[in-house]
Amino acid sequence: MERTVICKVTDVPVNGLKQFESNGRKVCVINAGDGFFACQAACPHEGIALCDGVFDGEVLTCLEHLWQWSLREGGEPRGLAAAPLEMYPVEVDADMVYLKG
């Protein structure tokens, strides 16, 4: 399976979020402390940058209208959110985070 470097492990602090671009696609990368997640960069509600949101180790919250998603459950909506997040598979190898596929 093909993989593309998205960032260094140290680029995203634990429970932090940061936006990157890979092959013309904007991606929000989240460091959960015990692993990394990657999802679409913009909230499906109104296109707000999700890297400006909050991650508590389980749930990502967009602070614009408080839509929430469980990243550990594949981007499933929680609370007010009416749409799931598009998630992208990631792999950590040494000190790099890769998007797979």
N, C-alpha and C. Protein backbone atom coordinates (compact mmCIF):
# COMPACT_ATOMS: atom_id res chain seq x y z
N MET A 1 0.85 -1.19 0.00
CA MET A 1 0.00 0.00 0.00
C MET A 1 0.89 1.24 0.00
N GLU A 2 0.53 2.18 -0.81
CA GLU A 2 1.27 3.44 -0.92
C GLU A 2 1.06 4.29 0.32
N ARG A 3 2.09 5.05 0.69
CA ARG A 3 1.96 5.97 1.82
C ARG A 3 2.70 7.26 1.50
N THR A 4 2.23 8.34 2.11
CA THR A 4 2.78 9.67 1.87
C THR A 4 3.09 10.32 3.21
N VAL A 5 4.28 10.90 3.33
CA VAL A 5 4.64 11.62 4.56
C VAL A 5 3.70 12.80 4.73
N ILE A 6 3.14 12.94 5.94
CA ILE A 6 2.29 14.09 6.22
C ILE A 6 2.95 15.04 7.21
N CYS A 7 3.69 14.49 8.22
CA CYS A 7 4.36 15.34 9.19
C CYS A 7 5.30 14.51 10.06
N LYS A 8 6.06 15.19 10.90
CA LYS A 8 6.86 14.52 11.92
C LYS A 8 5.97 14.31 13.14
N VAL A 9 6.26 13.28 13.90
CA VAL A 9 5.51 13.00 15.14
C VAL A 9 5.54 14.23 16.05
N THR A 10 6.66 14.90 16.11
CA THR A 10 6.82 16.05 17.02
C THR A 10 6.12 17.32 16.52
N ASP A 11 5.58 17.31 15.30
CA ASP A 11 4.88 18.48 14.77
C ASP A 11 3.53 18.72 15.43
N VAL A 12 2.95 17.66 16.03
CA VAL A 12 1.62 17.78 16.63
C VAL A 12 1.71 17.38 18.11
N PRO A 13 1.47 18.30 19.05
CA PRO A 13 1.56 17.97 20.47
C PRO A 13 0.48 16.98 20.89
N VAL A 14 0.69 16.29 22.00
CA VAL A 14 -0.30 15.35 22.52
C VAL A 14 -1.63 16.08 22.75
N ASN A 15 -2.70 15.46 22.30
CA ASN A 15 -4.06 16.01 22.31
C ASN A 15 -4.17 17.30 21.49
N GLY A 16 -3.21 17.48 20.57
CA GLY A 16 -3.22 18.65 19.70
C GLY A 16 -3.67 18.31 18.29
N LEU A 17 -3.95 19.35 17.54
CA LEU A 17 -4.41 19.23 16.16
C LEU A 17 -3.59 20.18 15.30
N LYS A 18 -3.33 19.77 14.09
CA LYS A 18 -2.62 20.66 13.18
C LYS A 18 -3.00 20.30 11.75
N GLN A 19 -3.14 21.32 10.93
CA GLN A 19 -3.52 21.11 9.53
C GLN A 19 -2.27 21.00 8.66
N PHE A 20 -2.32 20.05 7.74
CA PHE A 20 -1.26 19.85 6.76
C PHE A 20 -1.89 19.67 5.40
N GLU A 21 -1.07 19.76 4.37
CA GLU A 21 -1.54 19.51 3.01
C GLU A 21 -0.73 18.38 2.41
N SER A 22 -1.42 17.44 1.79
CA SER A 22 -0.77 16.30 1.16
C SER A 22 -1.44 16.04 -0.18
N ASN A 23 -0.66 16.08 -1.24
CA ASN A 23 -1.18 15.84 -2.59
C ASN A 23 -2.40 16.70 -2.91
N GLY A 24 -2.35 17.96 -2.50
CA GLY A 24 -3.43 18.90 -2.78
C GLY A 24 -4.63 18.78 -1.87
N ARG A 25 -4.56 17.89 -0.88
CA ARG A 25 -5.68 17.68 0.04
C ARG A 25 -5.30 18.21 1.42
N LYS A 26 -6.17 19.04 2.01
CA LYS A 26 -5.94 19.54 3.37
C LYS A 26 -6.43 18.48 4.36
N VAL A 27 -5.58 18.21 5.36
CA VAL A 27 -5.85 17.16 6.33
C VAL A 27 -5.59 17.69 7.73
N CYS A 28 -6.46 17.35 8.66
CA CYS A 28 -6.25 17.66 10.07
C CYS A 28 -5.65 16.42 10.72
N VAL A 29 -4.47 16.57 11.33
CA VAL A 29 -3.79 15.48 12.01
C VAL A 29 -3.92 15.70 13.51
N ILE A 30 -4.30 14.63 14.22
CA ILE A 30 -4.54 14.69 15.65
C ILE A 30 -3.63 13.70 16.35
N ASN A 31 -2.93 14.17 17.39
CA ASN A 31 -2.08 13.30 18.21
C ASN A 31 -2.86 12.94 19.46
N ALA A 32 -3.26 11.67 19.57
CA ALA A 32 -4.05 11.21 20.72
C ALA A 32 -3.18 10.74 21.87
N GLY A 33 -1.86 10.86 21.73
CA GLY A 33 -0.96 10.41 22.77
C GLY A 33 -0.57 8.96 22.58
N ASP A 34 -1.55 8.11 22.28
CA ASP A 34 -1.28 6.70 22.04
C ASP A 34 -1.41 6.34 20.56
N GLY A 35 -1.52 7.36 19.73
CA GLY A 35 -1.64 7.15 18.29
C GLY A 35 -2.07 8.43 17.60
N PHE A 36 -2.11 8.37 16.29
CA PHE A 36 -2.49 9.53 15.49
C PHE A 36 -3.73 9.23 14.68
N PHE A 37 -4.50 10.28 14.41
CA PHE A 37 -5.66 10.22 13.53
C PHE A 37 -5.50 11.30 12.47
N ALA A 38 -6.15 11.10 11.34
CA ALA A 38 -6.20 12.13 10.31
C ALA A 38 -7.63 12.17 9.77
N CYS A 39 -8.13 13.38 9.56
CA CYS A 39 -9.49 13.55 9.05
C CYS A 39 -9.53 14.76 8.12
N GLN A 40 -10.69 14.94 7.52
CA GLN A 40 -10.89 16.11 6.68
C GLN A 40 -10.55 17.36 7.48
N ALA A 41 -10.05 18.37 6.82
CA ALA A 41 -9.57 19.57 7.52
C ALA A 41 -10.67 20.53 7.90
N ALA A 42 -11.81 20.46 7.22
CA ALA A 42 -12.89 21.41 7.45
C ALA A 42 -14.12 20.72 8.04
N CYS A 43 -14.77 21.40 8.96
CA CYS A 43 -16.01 20.90 9.54
C CYS A 43 -17.05 20.73 8.43
N PRO A 44 -17.76 19.59 8.41
CA PRO A 44 -18.77 19.39 7.37
C PRO A 44 -19.98 20.30 7.51
N HIS A 45 -20.10 20.99 8.64
CA HIS A 45 -21.24 21.87 8.88
C HIS A 45 -21.09 23.17 8.10
N GLU A 46 -20.02 23.92 8.36
CA GLU A 46 -19.85 25.21 7.69
C GLU A 46 -18.42 25.47 7.23
N GLY A 47 -17.62 24.42 7.15
CA GLY A 47 -16.28 24.56 6.58
C GLY A 47 -15.25 25.20 7.49
N ILE A 48 -15.51 25.28 8.78
CA ILE A 48 -14.56 25.85 9.74
C ILE A 48 -13.36 24.91 9.87
N ALA A 49 -12.16 25.47 10.01
CA ALA A 49 -10.94 24.66 10.15
C ALA A 49 -10.99 23.86 11.45
N LEU A 50 -10.95 22.53 11.34
CA LEU A 50 -11.02 21.68 12.53
C LEU A 50 -9.76 21.75 13.37
N CYS A 51 -8.64 22.20 12.79
CA CYS A 51 -7.41 22.34 13.58
C CYS A 51 -7.55 23.44 14.63
N ASP A 52 -8.59 24.25 14.53
CA ASP A 52 -8.87 25.28 15.55
C ASP A 52 -9.79 24.74 16.64
N GLY A 53 -10.14 23.45 16.56
CA GLY A 53 -11.03 22.85 17.53
C GLY A 53 -10.28 22.31 18.73
N VAL A 54 -10.93 21.42 19.47
CA VAL A 54 -10.39 20.85 20.69
C VAL A 54 -10.53 19.33 20.62
N PHE A 55 -9.49 18.62 21.06
CA PHE A 55 -9.53 17.16 21.14
C PHE A 55 -9.24 16.76 22.57
N ASP A 56 -10.11 15.94 23.17
CA ASP A 56 -9.96 15.56 24.58
C ASP A 56 -9.43 14.13 24.77
N GLY A 57 -8.90 13.55 23.72
CA GLY A 57 -8.41 12.18 23.78
C GLY A 57 -9.38 11.19 23.17
N GLU A 58 -10.60 11.60 22.97
CA GLU A 58 -11.64 10.75 22.38
C GLU A 58 -12.46 11.52 21.34
N VAL A 59 -12.90 12.71 21.72
CA VAL A 59 -13.84 13.48 20.91
C VAL A 59 -13.19 14.76 20.38
N LEU A 60 -13.39 15.00 19.09
CA LEU A 60 -12.97 16.24 18.45
C LEU A 60 -14.17 17.17 18.41
N THR A 61 -13.98 18.41 18.87
CA THR A 61 -15.06 19.40 18.90
C THR A 61 -14.69 20.59 18.04
N CYS A 62 -15.58 20.93 17.11
CA CYS A 62 -15.45 22.17 16.34
C CYS A 62 -16.03 23.27 17.21
N LEU A 63 -15.24 24.29 17.50
CA LEU A 63 -15.68 25.32 18.43
C LEU A 63 -16.64 26.34 17.84
N GLU A 64 -16.85 26.31 16.53
CA GLU A 64 -17.76 27.27 15.91
C GLU A 64 -19.21 27.02 16.33
N HIS A 65 -19.69 25.77 16.20
CA HIS A 65 -21.07 25.44 16.55
C HIS A 65 -21.17 24.18 17.41
N LEU A 66 -20.03 23.75 17.96
CA LEU A 66 -19.94 22.64 18.91
C LEU A 66 -20.32 21.28 18.33
N TRP A 67 -20.12 21.11 17.04
CA TRP A 67 -20.29 19.77 16.47
C TRP A 67 -19.15 18.91 17.00
N GLN A 68 -19.42 17.62 17.26
CA GLN A 68 -18.43 16.72 17.83
C GLN A 68 -18.42 15.37 17.11
N TRP A 69 -17.23 14.72 17.15
CA TRP A 69 -17.05 13.41 16.53
C TRP A 69 -16.14 12.55 17.39
N SER A 70 -16.43 11.26 17.44
CA SER A 70 -15.56 10.30 18.11
C SER A 70 -14.53 9.81 17.10
N LEU A 71 -13.28 10.20 17.29
CA LEU A 71 -12.24 9.77 16.37
C LEU A 71 -11.91 8.30 16.55
N ARG A 72 -12.04 7.81 17.76
CA ARG A 72 -11.75 6.40 18.03
C ARG A 72 -12.83 5.48 17.46
N GLU A 73 -13.96 6.06 17.06
CA GLU A 73 -15.04 5.29 16.43
C GLU A 73 -15.22 5.71 14.98
N GLY A 74 -14.10 6.05 14.33
CA GLY A 74 -14.12 6.32 12.89
C GLY A 74 -14.78 7.60 12.45
N GLY A 75 -14.81 8.62 13.34
CA GLY A 75 -15.39 9.90 12.96
C GLY A 75 -16.90 9.96 13.12
N GLU A 76 -17.46 9.04 13.91
CA GLU A 76 -18.92 9.03 14.13
C GLU A 76 -19.37 10.30 14.84
N PRO A 77 -20.49 10.88 14.40
CA PRO A 77 -20.99 12.11 15.01
C PRO A 77 -21.48 11.89 16.43
N ARG A 78 -21.34 12.92 17.24
CA ARG A 78 -21.81 12.95 18.63
C ARG A 78 -22.60 14.24 18.82
N GLY A 79 -23.50 14.24 19.77
CA GLY A 79 -24.23 15.46 20.11
C GLY A 79 -24.94 16.10 18.94
N LEU A 80 -24.60 17.35 18.68
CA LEU A 80 -25.26 18.14 17.64
C LEU A 80 -24.86 17.77 16.21
N ALA A 81 -23.73 17.12 16.04
CA ALA A 81 -23.22 16.83 14.69
C ALA A 81 -24.21 15.96 13.91
N ALA A 82 -24.45 16.36 12.67
CA ALA A 82 -25.40 15.63 11.84
C ALA A 82 -24.72 14.85 10.72
N ALA A 83 -23.38 14.90 10.67
CA ALA A 83 -22.65 14.20 9.61
C ALA A 83 -21.33 13.67 10.18
N PRO A 84 -20.89 12.50 9.71
CA PRO A 84 -19.61 11.97 10.17
C PRO A 84 -18.46 12.72 9.53
N LEU A 85 -17.26 12.51 10.09
CA LEU A 85 -16.03 13.04 9.49
C LEU A 85 -15.45 12.01 8.54
N GLU A 86 -14.84 12.50 7.49
CA GLU A 86 -14.08 11.61 6.61
C GLU A 86 -12.72 11.40 7.28
N MET A 87 -12.42 10.15 7.58
CA MET A 87 -11.17 9.78 8.24
C MET A 87 -10.21 9.17 7.22
N TYR A 88 -8.93 9.36 7.45
CA TYR A 88 -7.90 8.81 6.56
C TYR A 88 -6.98 7.91 7.38
N PRO A 89 -6.62 6.75 6.84
CA PRO A 89 -5.73 5.85 7.57
C PRO A 89 -4.33 6.44 7.68
N VAL A 90 -3.72 6.29 8.85
CA VAL A 90 -2.37 6.78 9.08
C VAL A 90 -1.48 5.65 9.60
N GLU A 91 -0.20 5.87 9.46
CA GLU A 91 0.80 4.94 9.97
C GLU A 91 1.95 5.76 10.52
N VAL A 92 2.45 5.37 11.68
CA VAL A 92 3.61 6.01 12.27
C VAL A 92 4.79 5.06 12.10
N ASP A 93 5.86 5.60 11.54
CA ASP A 93 7.08 4.82 11.32
C ASP A 93 8.25 5.69 11.76
N ALA A 94 8.94 5.23 12.80
CA ALA A 94 10.04 6.00 13.39
C ALA A 94 9.47 7.33 13.88
N ASP A 95 9.94 8.45 13.34
CA ASP A 95 9.46 9.75 13.80
C ASP A 95 8.57 10.46 12.78
N MET A 96 8.01 9.70 11.84
CA MET A 96 7.19 10.30 10.79
C MET A 96 5.76 9.73 10.83
N VAL A 97 4.79 10.58 10.45
CA VAL A 97 3.41 10.18 10.30
C VAL A 97 3.11 10.15 8.81
N TYR A 98 2.52 9.05 8.35
CA TYR A 98 2.22 8.85 6.94
C TYR A 98 0.71 8.68 6.75
N LEU A 99 0.21 9.21 5.63
CA LEU A 99 -1.14 8.89 5.17
C LEU A 99 -1.02 7.66 4.30
N LYS A 100 -1.87 6.67 4.54
CA LYS A 100 -1.84 5.44 3.76
C LYS A 100 -2.90 5.49 2.67
N GLY A 101 -2.58 4.89 1.54
CA GLY A 101 -3.57 4.77 0.47
C GLY A 101 -3.42 5.78 -0.61
